[in-house]
Amino acid sequence: RIFLTSTNGFRLEVNGEQVSCLNAQRGPRQELVIERNGPMAHPVAVGDMIFLRAHTGNHLDVVGETVKARFPRKGLGYHAFIVEKQPR
């Protein structure tokens, strides 16, 4: 379980299907679960494909620049995230 924090210090939050960054709270609406397609045999690393499940049971998806939590299934297109390391 993770909490994602934006550069302004606010945490990603899911309300129904809507995803936003409105405050710095750490509650159920801000908590996300990392999932994979296969077994979680090793810790998450750069290059891994992951899915983020919200407290609603729906997975985050991205279409263009819009992020939502709409579907309970994991799809490889809009639902998959690749872990990257931020350049210094």
PDB file of N, CA and C in Angstrom:
ATOM      1  N   ARG A   1       0.843  -1.177   0.000  1.00  0.00           N
ATOM      2  CA  ARG A   1       0.000   0.000   0.000  1.00  0.00           C
ATOM      3  C   ARG A   1       0.886   1.237   0.000  1.00  0.00           C
ATOM      4  N   ILE A   2       0.490   2.215  -0.827  1.00  0.00           N
ATOM      5  CA  ILE A   2       1.317   3.407  -0.971  1.00  0.00           C
ATOM      6  C   ILE A   2       0.454   4.669  -0.961  1.00  0.00           C
ATOM      7  N   PHE A   3       1.113   5.789  -0.758  1.00  0.00           N
ATOM      8  CA  PHE A   3       0.530   7.113  -0.901  1.00  0.00           C
ATOM      9  C   PHE A   3       1.414   7.865  -1.885  1.00  0.00           C
ATOM     10  N   LEU A   4       0.847   8.381  -2.979  1.00  0.00           N
ATOM     11  CA  LEU A   4       1.617   9.132  -3.966  1.00  0.00           C
ATOM     12  C   LEU A   4       1.487  10.617  -3.679  1.00  0.00           C
ATOM     13  N   THR A   5       2.624  11.299  -3.570  1.00  0.00           N
ATOM     14  CA  THR A   5       2.665  12.718  -3.251  1.00  0.00           C
ATOM     15  C   THR A   5       3.145  13.510  -4.454  1.00  0.00           C
ATOM     16  N   SER A   6       2.417  14.575  -4.794  1.00  0.00           N
ATOM     17  CA  SER A   6       2.811  15.429  -5.912  1.00  0.00           C
ATOM     18  C   SER A   6       3.909  16.395  -5.466  1.00  0.00           C
ATOM     19  N   THR A   7       4.440  17.150  -6.401  1.00  0.00           N
ATOM     20  CA  THR A   7       5.527  18.074  -6.087  1.00  0.00           C
ATOM     21  C   THR A   7       5.107  19.186  -5.143  1.00  0.00           C
ATOM     22  N   ASN A   8       3.790  19.462  -5.041  1.00  0.00           N
ATOM     23  CA  ASN A   8       3.318  20.505  -4.124  1.00  0.00           C
ATOM     24  C   ASN A   8       3.021  19.957  -2.727  1.00  0.00           C
ATOM     25  N   GLY A   9       3.285  18.662  -2.505  1.00  0.00           N
ATOM     26  CA  GLY A   9       3.084  18.059  -1.196  1.00  0.00           C
ATOM     27  C   GLY A   9       1.708  17.461  -0.992  1.00  0.00           C
ATOM     28  N   PHE A  10       0.807  17.610  -1.960  1.00  0.00           N
ATOM     29  CA  PHE A  10      -0.530  17.033  -1.857  1.00  0.00           C
ATOM     30  C   PHE A  10      -0.500  15.587  -2.344  1.00  0.00           C
ATOM     31  N   ARG A  11      -1.361  14.766  -1.756  1.00  0.00           N
ATOM     32  CA  ARG A  11      -1.400  13.347  -2.116  1.00  0.00           C
ATOM     33  C   ARG A  11      -2.511  13.070  -3.127  1.00  0.00           C
ATOM     34  N   LEU A  12      -2.236  12.096  -3.993  1.00  0.00           N
ATOM     35  CA  LEU A  12      -3.232  11.638  -4.947  1.00  0.00           C
ATOM     36  C   LEU A  12      -4.417  11.090  -4.167  1.00  0.00           C
ATOM     37  N   GLU A  13      -5.636  11.428  -4.596  1.00  0.00           N
ATOM     38  CA  GLU A  13      -6.843  11.047  -3.873  1.00  0.00           C
ATOM     39  C   GLU A  13      -7.898  10.583  -4.861  1.00  0.00           C
ATOM     40  N   VAL A  14      -8.640   9.529  -4.495  1.00  0.00           N
ATOM     41  CA  VAL A  14      -9.698   9.010  -5.352  1.00  0.00           C
ATOM     42  C   VAL A  14     -11.037   9.207  -4.649  1.00  0.00           C
ATOM     43  N   ASN A  15     -11.959   9.859  -5.351  1.00  0.00           N
ATOM     44  CA  ASN A  15     -13.337  10.056  -4.892  1.00  0.00           C
ATOM     45  C   ASN A  15     -14.254   9.549  -5.992  1.00  0.00           C
ATOM     46  N   GLY A  16     -14.817   8.350  -5.815  1.00  0.00           N
ATOM     47  CA  GLY A  16     -15.600   7.736  -6.884  1.00  0.00           C
ATOM     48  C   GLY A  16     -14.675   7.410  -8.034  1.00  0.00           C
ATOM     49  N   GLU A  17     -14.952   7.979  -9.213  1.00  0.00           N
ATOM     50  CA  GLU A  17     -14.068   7.797 -10.367  1.00  0.00           C
ATOM     51  C   GLU A  17     -13.045   8.917 -10.487  1.00  0.00           C
ATOM     52  N   GLN A  18     -13.250  10.004  -9.757  1.00  0.00           N
ATOM     53  CA  GLN A  18     -12.391  11.189  -9.883  1.00  0.00           C
ATOM     54  C   GLN A  18     -11.078  11.011  -9.128  1.00  0.00           C
ATOM     55  N   VAL A  19      -9.984  11.433  -9.755  1.00  0.00           N
ATOM     56  CA  VAL A  19      -8.652  11.388  -9.140  1.00  0.00           C
ATOM     57  C   VAL A  19      -8.123  12.818  -9.093  1.00  0.00           C
ATOM     58  N   SER A  20      -7.647  13.243  -7.929  1.00  0.00           N
ATOM     59  CA  SER A  20      -7.148  14.611  -7.779  1.00  0.00           C
ATOM     60  C   SER A  20      -6.067  14.661  -6.713  1.00  0.00           C
ATOM     61  N   CYS A  21      -5.457  15.838  -6.556  1.00  0.00           N
ATOM     62  CA  CYS A  21      -4.473  16.118  -5.505  1.00  0.00           C
ATOM     63  C   CYS A  21      -4.948  17.380  -4.792  1.00  0.00           C
ATOM     64  N   LEU A  22      -5.658  17.209  -3.689  1.00  0.00           N
ATOM     65  CA  LEU A  22      -6.278  18.357  -3.031  1.00  0.00           C
ATOM     66  C   LEU A  22      -5.720  18.672  -1.658  1.00  0.00           C
ATOM     67  N   ASN A  23      -5.077  17.700  -1.009  1.00  0.00           N
ATOM     68  CA  ASN A  23      -4.581  17.937   0.347  1.00  0.00           C
ATOM     69  C   ASN A  23      -3.468  16.945   0.671  1.00  0.00           C
ATOM     70  N   ALA A  24      -2.928  17.051   1.863  1.00  0.00           N
ATOM     71  CA  ALA A  24      -1.809  16.192   2.266  1.00  0.00           C
ATOM     72  C   ALA A  24      -2.244  15.078   3.219  1.00  0.00           C
ATOM     73  N   GLN A  25      -3.525  14.780   3.278  1.00  0.00           N
ATOM     74  CA  GLN A  25      -4.017  13.735   4.175  1.00  0.00           C
ATOM     75  C   GLN A  25      -3.498  12.358   3.769  1.00  0.00           C
ATOM     76  N   ARG A  26      -3.526  11.434   4.744  1.00  0.00           N
ATOM     77  CA  ARG A  26      -3.158  10.037   4.499  1.00  0.00           C
ATOM     78  C   ARG A  26      -4.270   9.158   5.033  1.00  0.00           C
ATOM     79  N   GLY A  27      -5.338   9.057   4.266  1.00  0.00           N
ATOM     80  CA  GLY A  27      -6.484   8.247   4.657  1.00  0.00           C
ATOM     81  C   GLY A  27      -6.817   7.231   3.586  1.00  0.00           C
ATOM     82  N   PRO A  28      -7.968   6.571   3.711  1.00  0.00           N
ATOM     83  CA  PRO A  28      -8.353   5.540   2.741  1.00  0.00           C
ATOM     84  C   PRO A  28      -8.461   6.062   1.307  1.00  0.00           C
ATOM     85  N   ARG A  29      -8.900   7.291   1.131  1.00  0.00           N
ATOM     86  CA  ARG A  29      -9.049   7.846  -0.221  1.00  0.00           C
ATOM     87  C   ARG A  29      -7.708   8.126  -0.886  1.00  0.00           C
ATOM     88  N   GLN A  30      -6.654   8.268  -0.096  1.00  0.00           N
ATOM     89  CA  GLN A  30      -5.323   8.532  -0.644  1.00  0.00           C
ATOM     90  C   GLN A  30      -4.500   7.243  -0.782  1.00  0.00           C
ATOM     91  N   GLU A  31      -4.952   6.162  -0.195  1.00  0.00           N
ATOM     92  CA  GLU A  31      -4.192   4.909  -0.201  1.00  0.00           C
ATOM     93  C   GLU A  31      -4.407   4.143  -1.505  1.00  0.00           C
ATOM     94  N   LEU A  32      -3.323   3.697  -2.117  1.00  0.00           N
ATOM     95  CA  LEU A  32      -3.365   2.898  -3.337  1.00  0.00           C
ATOM     96  C   LEU A  32      -2.637   1.580  -3.096  1.00  0.00           C
ATOM     97  N   VAL A  33      -3.074   0.561  -3.800  1.00  0.00           N
ATOM     98  CA  VAL A  33      -2.438  -0.755  -3.701  1.00  0.00           C
ATOM     99  C   VAL A  33      -1.738  -1.035  -5.029  1.00  0.00           C
ATOM    100  N   ILE A  34      -0.462  -1.430  -4.954  1.00  0.00           N
ATOM    101  CA  ILE A  34       0.293  -1.805  -6.144  1.00  0.00           C
ATOM    102  C   ILE A  34      -0.024  -3.261  -6.473  1.00  0.00           C
ATOM    103  N   GLU A  35      -0.390  -3.504  -7.737  1.00  0.00           N
ATOM    104  CA  GLU A  35      -0.643  -4.864  -8.202  1.00  0.00           C
ATOM    105  C   GLU A  35       0.178  -5.125  -9.459  1.00  0.00           C
ATOM    106  N   ARG A  36       0.384  -6.391  -9.732  1.00  0.00           N
ATOM    107  CA  ARG A  36       1.064  -6.814 -10.965  1.00  0.00           C
ATOM    108  C   ARG A  36       0.188  -7.846 -11.654  1.00  0.00           C
ATOM    109  N   ASN A  37       0.525  -8.166 -12.904  1.00  0.00           N
ATOM    110  CA  ASN A  37      -0.191  -9.225 -13.612  1.00  0.00           C
ATOM    111  C   ASN A  37       0.163 -10.593 -13.067  1.00  0.00           C
ATOM    112  N   GLY A  38       1.420 -10.777 -12.725  1.00  0.00           N
ATOM    113  CA  GLY A  38       1.887 -12.055 -12.210  1.00  0.00           C
ATOM    114  C   GLY A  38       2.156 -11.967 -10.729  1.00  0.00           C
ATOM    115  N   PRO A  39       2.870 -12.940 -10.196  1.00  0.00           N
ATOM    116  CA  PRO A  39       3.196 -12.907  -8.769  1.00  0.00           C
ATOM    117  C   PRO A  39       4.156 -11.763  -8.432  1.00  0.00           C
ATOM    118  N   MET A  40       4.090 -11.297  -7.215  1.00  0.00           N
ATOM    119  CA  MET A  40       4.964 -10.224  -6.748  1.00  0.00           C
ATOM    120  C   MET A  40       6.203 -10.887  -6.159  1.00  0.00           C
ATOM    121  N   ALA A  41       7.053 -11.414  -7.037  1.00  0.00           N
ATOM    122  CA  ALA A  41       8.209 -12.214  -6.611  1.00  0.00           C
ATOM    123  C   ALA A  41       9.351 -11.378  -6.064  1.00  0.00           C
ATOM    124  N   HIS A  42       9.394 -10.088  -6.390  1.00  0.00           N
ATOM    125  CA  HIS A  42      10.477  -9.222  -5.922  1.00  0.00           C
ATOM    126  C   HIS A  42       9.915  -7.828  -5.669  1.00  0.00           C
ATOM    127  N   PRO A  43      10.604  -6.997  -4.927  1.00  0.00           N
ATOM    128  CA  PRO A  43      10.136  -5.619  -4.702  1.00  0.00           C
ATOM    129  C   PRO A  43       9.999  -4.876  -6.032  1.00  0.00           C
ATOM    130  N   VAL A  44       9.154  -3.885  -6.053  1.00  0.00           N
ATOM    131  CA  VAL A  44       8.945  -3.079  -7.256  1.00  0.00           C
ATOM    132  C   VAL A  44      10.253  -2.403  -7.627  1.00  0.00           C
ATOM    133  N   ALA A  45      10.600  -2.457  -8.916  1.00  0.00           N
ATOM    134  CA  ALA A  45      11.865  -1.895  -9.396  1.00  0.00           C
ATOM    135  C   ALA A  45      11.621  -1.097 -10.668  1.00  0.00           C
ATOM    136  N   VAL A  46      12.592  -0.271 -11.031  1.00  0.00           N
ATOM    137  CA  VAL A  46      12.534   0.501 -12.266  1.00  0.00           C
ATOM    138  C   VAL A  46      12.306  -0.455 -13.436  1.00  0.00           C
ATOM    139  N   GLY A  47      11.379  -0.103 -14.317  1.00  0.00           N
ATOM    140  CA  GLY A  47      11.055  -0.926 -15.479  1.00  0.00           C
ATOM    141  C   GLY A  47       9.883  -1.864 -15.271  1.00  0.00           C
ATOM    142  N   ASP A  48       9.446  -2.071 -14.030  1.00  0.00           N
ATOM    143  CA  ASP A  48       8.305  -2.947 -13.758  1.00  0.00           C
ATOM    144  C   ASP A  48       7.005  -2.327 -14.250  1.00  0.00           C
ATOM    145  N   MET A  49       6.089  -3.180 -14.727  1.00  0.00           N
ATOM    146  CA  MET A  49       4.746  -2.747 -15.074  1.00  0.00           C
ATOM    147  C   MET A  49       3.854  -3.008 -13.863  1.00  0.00           C
ATOM    148  N   ILE A  50       3.170  -1.961 -13.397  1.00  0.00           N
ATOM    149  CA  ILE A  50       2.310  -2.092 -12.218  1.00  0.00           C
ATOM    150  C   ILE A  50       0.925  -1.529 -12.525  1.00  0.00           C
ATOM    151  N   PHE A  51      -0.019  -1.846 -11.656  1.00  0.00           N
ATOM    152  CA  PHE A  51      -1.367  -1.312 -11.688  1.00  0.00           C
ATOM    153  C   PHE A  51      -1.660  -0.734 -10.313  1.00  0.00           C
ATOM    154  N   LEU A  52      -2.407   0.350 -10.260  1.00  0.00           N
ATOM    155  CA  LEU A  52      -2.718   1.007  -8.995  1.00  0.00           C
ATOM    156  C   LEU A  52      -4.211   0.881  -8.724  1.00  0.00           C
ATOM    157  N   ARG A  53      -4.558   0.192  -7.615  1.00  0.00           N
ATOM    158  CA  ARG A  53      -5.957  -0.022  -7.240  1.00  0.00           C
ATOM    159  C   ARG A  53      -6.330   0.910  -6.091  1.00  0.00           C
ATOM    160  N   ALA A  54      -7.443   1.596  -6.260  1.00  0.00           N
ATOM    161  CA  ALA A  54      -7.936   2.532  -5.246  1.00  0.00           C
ATOM    162  C   ALA A  54      -8.821   1.804  -4.233  1.00  0.00           C
ATOM    163  N   HIS A  55      -9.209   2.511  -3.170  1.00  0.00           N
ATOM    164  CA  HIS A  55     -10.076   1.949  -2.143  1.00  0.00           C
ATOM    165  C   HIS A  55     -11.435   1.528  -2.696  1.00  0.00           C
ATOM    166  N   THR A  56     -11.809   2.045  -3.853  1.00  0.00           N
ATOM    167  CA  THR A  56     -13.082   1.706  -4.493  1.00  0.00           C
ATOM    168  C   THR A  56     -13.041   0.339  -5.158  1.00  0.00           C
ATOM    169  N   GLY A  57     -11.830  -0.221  -5.316  1.00  0.00           N
ATOM    170  CA  GLY A  57     -11.665  -1.478  -6.038  1.00  0.00           C
ATOM    171  C   GLY A  57     -11.355  -1.266  -7.506  1.00  0.00           C
ATOM    172  N   ASN A  58     -11.448  -0.029  -7.972  1.00  0.00           N
ATOM    173  CA  ASN A  58     -11.155   0.291  -9.362  1.00  0.00           C
ATOM    174  C   ASN A  58      -9.682   0.652  -9.531  1.00  0.00           C
ATOM    175  N   HIS A  59      -9.180   0.400 -10.738  1.00  0.00           N
ATOM    176  CA  HIS A  59      -7.779   0.700 -11.054  1.00  0.00           C
ATOM    177  C   HIS A  59      -7.675   2.062 -11.734  1.00  0.00           C
ATOM    178  N   LEU A  60      -6.601   2.772 -11.435  1.00  0.00           N
ATOM    179  CA  LEU A  60      -6.359   4.059 -12.086  1.00  0.00           C
ATOM    180  C   LEU A  60      -6.079   3.827 -13.560  1.00  0.00           C
ATOM    181  N   ASP A  61      -6.624   4.711 -14.393  1.00  0.00           N
ATOM    182  CA  ASP A  61      -6.343   4.663 -15.822  1.00  0.00           C
ATOM    183  C   ASP A  61      -6.085   6.074 -16.315  1.00  0.00           C
ATOM    184  N   VAL A  62      -5.289   6.174 -17.380  1.00  0.00           N
ATOM    185  CA  VAL A  62      -4.921   7.470 -17.947  1.00  0.00           C
ATOM    186  C   VAL A  62      -5.303   7.479 -19.418  1.00  0.00           C
ATOM    187  N   VAL A  63      -6.089   8.501 -19.806  1.00  0.00           N
ATOM    188  CA  VAL A  63      -6.430   8.719 -21.205  1.00  0.00           C
ATOM    189  C   VAL A  63      -6.037  10.157 -21.515  1.00  0.00           C
ATOM    190  N   GLY A  64      -5.037  10.327 -22.361  1.00  0.00           N
ATOM    191  CA  GLY A  64      -4.510  11.670 -22.628  1.00  0.00           C
ATOM    192  C   GLY A  64      -3.850  12.184 -21.358  1.00  0.00           C
ATOM    193  N   GLU A  65      -4.378  13.270 -20.803  1.00  0.00           N
ATOM    194  CA  GLU A  65      -3.866  13.823 -19.538  1.00  0.00           C
ATOM    195  C   GLU A  65      -4.861  13.643 -18.397  1.00  0.00           C
ATOM    196  N   THR A  66      -5.915  12.858 -18.628  1.00  0.00           N
ATOM    197  CA  THR A  66      -6.963  12.656 -17.622  1.00  0.00           C
ATOM    198  C   THR A  66      -6.746  11.345 -16.890  1.00  0.00           C
ATOM    199  N   VAL A  67      -6.692  11.423 -15.562  1.00  0.00           N
ATOM    200  CA  VAL A  67      -6.535  10.239 -14.720  1.00  0.00           C
ATOM    201  C   VAL A  67      -7.860   9.986 -14.005  1.00  0.00           C
ATOM    202  N   LYS A  68      -8.346   8.756 -14.073  1.00  0.00           N
ATOM    203  CA  LYS A  68      -9.580   8.370 -13.390  1.00  0.00           C
ATOM    204  C   LYS A  68      -9.402   6.992 -12.789  1.00  0.00           C
ATOM    205  N   ALA A  69     -10.365   6.586 -11.966  1.00  0.00           N
ATOM    206  CA  ALA A  69     -10.397   5.243 -11.383  1.00  0.00           C
ATOM    207  C   ALA A  69     -11.755   4.653 -11.738  1.00  0.00           C
ATOM    208  N   ARG A  70     -11.843   4.027 -12.917  1.00  0.00           N
ATOM    209  CA  ARG A  70     -13.153   3.649 -13.433  1.00  0.00           C
ATOM    210  C   ARG A  70     -13.455   2.168 -13.459  1.00  0.00           C
ATOM    211  N   PHE A  71     -12.454   1.310 -13.601  1.00  0.00           N
ATOM    212  CA  PHE A  71     -12.744  -0.090 -13.877  1.00  0.00           C
ATOM    213  C   PHE A  71     -12.056  -1.025 -12.885  1.00  0.00           C
ATOM    214  N   PRO A  72     -12.743  -2.096 -12.461  1.00  0.00           N
ATOM    215  CA  PRO A  72     -12.132  -3.039 -11.517  1.00  0.00           C
ATOM    216  C   PRO A  72     -11.125  -3.987 -12.170  1.00  0.00           C
ATOM    217  N   ARG A  73     -11.152  -4.098 -13.483  1.00  0.00           N
ATOM    218  CA  ARG A  73     -10.217  -5.009 -14.146  1.00  0.00           C
ATOM    219  C   ARG A  73      -8.908  -4.292 -14.490  1.00  0.00           C
ATOM    220  N   LYS A  74      -7.863  -5.076 -14.663  1.00  0.00           N
ATOM    221  CA  LYS A  74      -6.568  -4.531 -15.074  1.00  0.00           C
ATOM    222  C   LYS A  74      -6.434  -4.710 -16.575  1.00  0.00           C
ATOM    223  N   GLY A  75      -6.285  -3.621 -17.302  1.00  0.00           N
ATOM    224  CA  GLY A  75      -6.041  -3.689 -18.740  1.00  0.00           C
ATOM    225  C   GLY A  75      -4.621  -3.231 -19.013  1.00  0.00           C
ATOM    226  N   LEU A  76      -4.015  -3.760 -20.044  1.00  0.00           N
ATOM    227  CA  LEU A  76      -2.619  -3.424 -20.318  1.00  0.00           C
ATOM    228  C   LEU A  76      -2.462  -2.054 -20.969  1.00  0.00           C
ATOM    229  N   GLY A  77      -3.512  -1.490 -21.492  1.00  0.00           N
ATOM    230  CA  GLY A  77      -3.399  -0.200 -22.171  1.00  0.00           C
ATOM    231  C   GLY A  77      -3.372   0.963 -21.204  1.00  0.00           C
ATOM    232  N   TYR A  78      -4.544   1.447 -20.831  1.00  0.00           N
ATOM    233  CA  TYR A  78      -4.669   2.667 -20.039  1.00  0.00           C
ATOM    234  C   TYR A  78      -4.407   2.450 -18.551  1.00  0.00           C
ATOM    235  N   HIS A  79      -4.405   1.205 -18.092  1.00  0.00           N
ATOM    236  CA  HIS A  79      -4.266   0.933 -16.658  1.00  0.00           C
ATOM    237  C   HIS A  79      -2.841   0.646 -16.217  1.00  0.00           C
ATOM    238  N   ALA A  80      -1.980   0.302 -17.139  1.00  0.00           N
ATOM    239  CA  ALA A  80      -0.620  -0.114 -16.794  1.00  0.00           C
ATOM    240  C   ALA A  80       0.297   1.099 -16.643  1.00  0.00           C
ATOM    241  N   PHE A  81       1.115   1.067 -15.617  1.00  0.00           N
ATOM    242  CA  PHE A  81       2.123   2.107 -15.371  1.00  0.00           C
ATOM    243  C   PHE A  81       3.489   1.447 -15.355  1.00  0.00           C
ATOM    244  N   ILE A  82       4.471   2.089 -15.954  1.00  0.00           N
ATOM    245  CA  ILE A  82       5.849   1.599 -15.922  1.00  0.00           C
ATOM    246  C   ILE A  82       6.611   2.439 -14.895  1.00  0.00           C
ATOM    247  N   VAL A  83       7.262   1.777 -13.957  1.00  0.00           N
ATOM    248  CA  VAL A  83       8.021   2.464 -12.919  1.00  0.00           C
ATOM    249  C   VAL A  83       9.271   3.069 -13.539  1.00  0.00           C
ATOM    250  N   GLU A  84       9.456   4.367 -13.340  1.00  0.00           N
ATOM    251  CA  GLU A  84      10.629   5.072 -13.851  1.00  0.00           C
ATOM    252  C   GLU A  84      11.364   5.760 -12.709  1.00  0.00           C
ATOM    253  N   LYS A  85      12.635   6.009 -12.919  1.00  0.00           N
ATOM    254  CA  LYS A  85      13.442   6.742 -11.952  1.00  0.00           C
ATOM    255  C   LYS A  85      13.570   8.172 -12.450  1.00  0.00           C
ATOM    256  N   GLN A  86      13.280   9.113 -11.580  1.00  0.00           N
ATOM    257  CA  GLN A  86      13.379  10.520 -11.960  1.00  0.00           C
ATOM    258  C   GLN A  86      14.840  10.907 -12.130  1.00  0.00           C
ATOM    259  N   PRO A  87      15.183  11.525 -13.280  1.00  0.00           N
ATOM    260  CA  PRO A  87      16.582  11.957 -13.458  1.00  0.00           C
ATOM    261  C   PRO A  87      16.947  13.040 -12.461  1.00  0.00           C
ATOM    262  N   ARG A  88      18.194  13.060 -12.075  1.00  0.00           N
ATOM    263  CA  ARG A  88      18.654  14.064 -11.095  1.00  0.00           C
ATOM    264  C   ARG A  88      19.249  15.243 -11.778  1.00  0.00           C
TER     265      ARG A  88
END
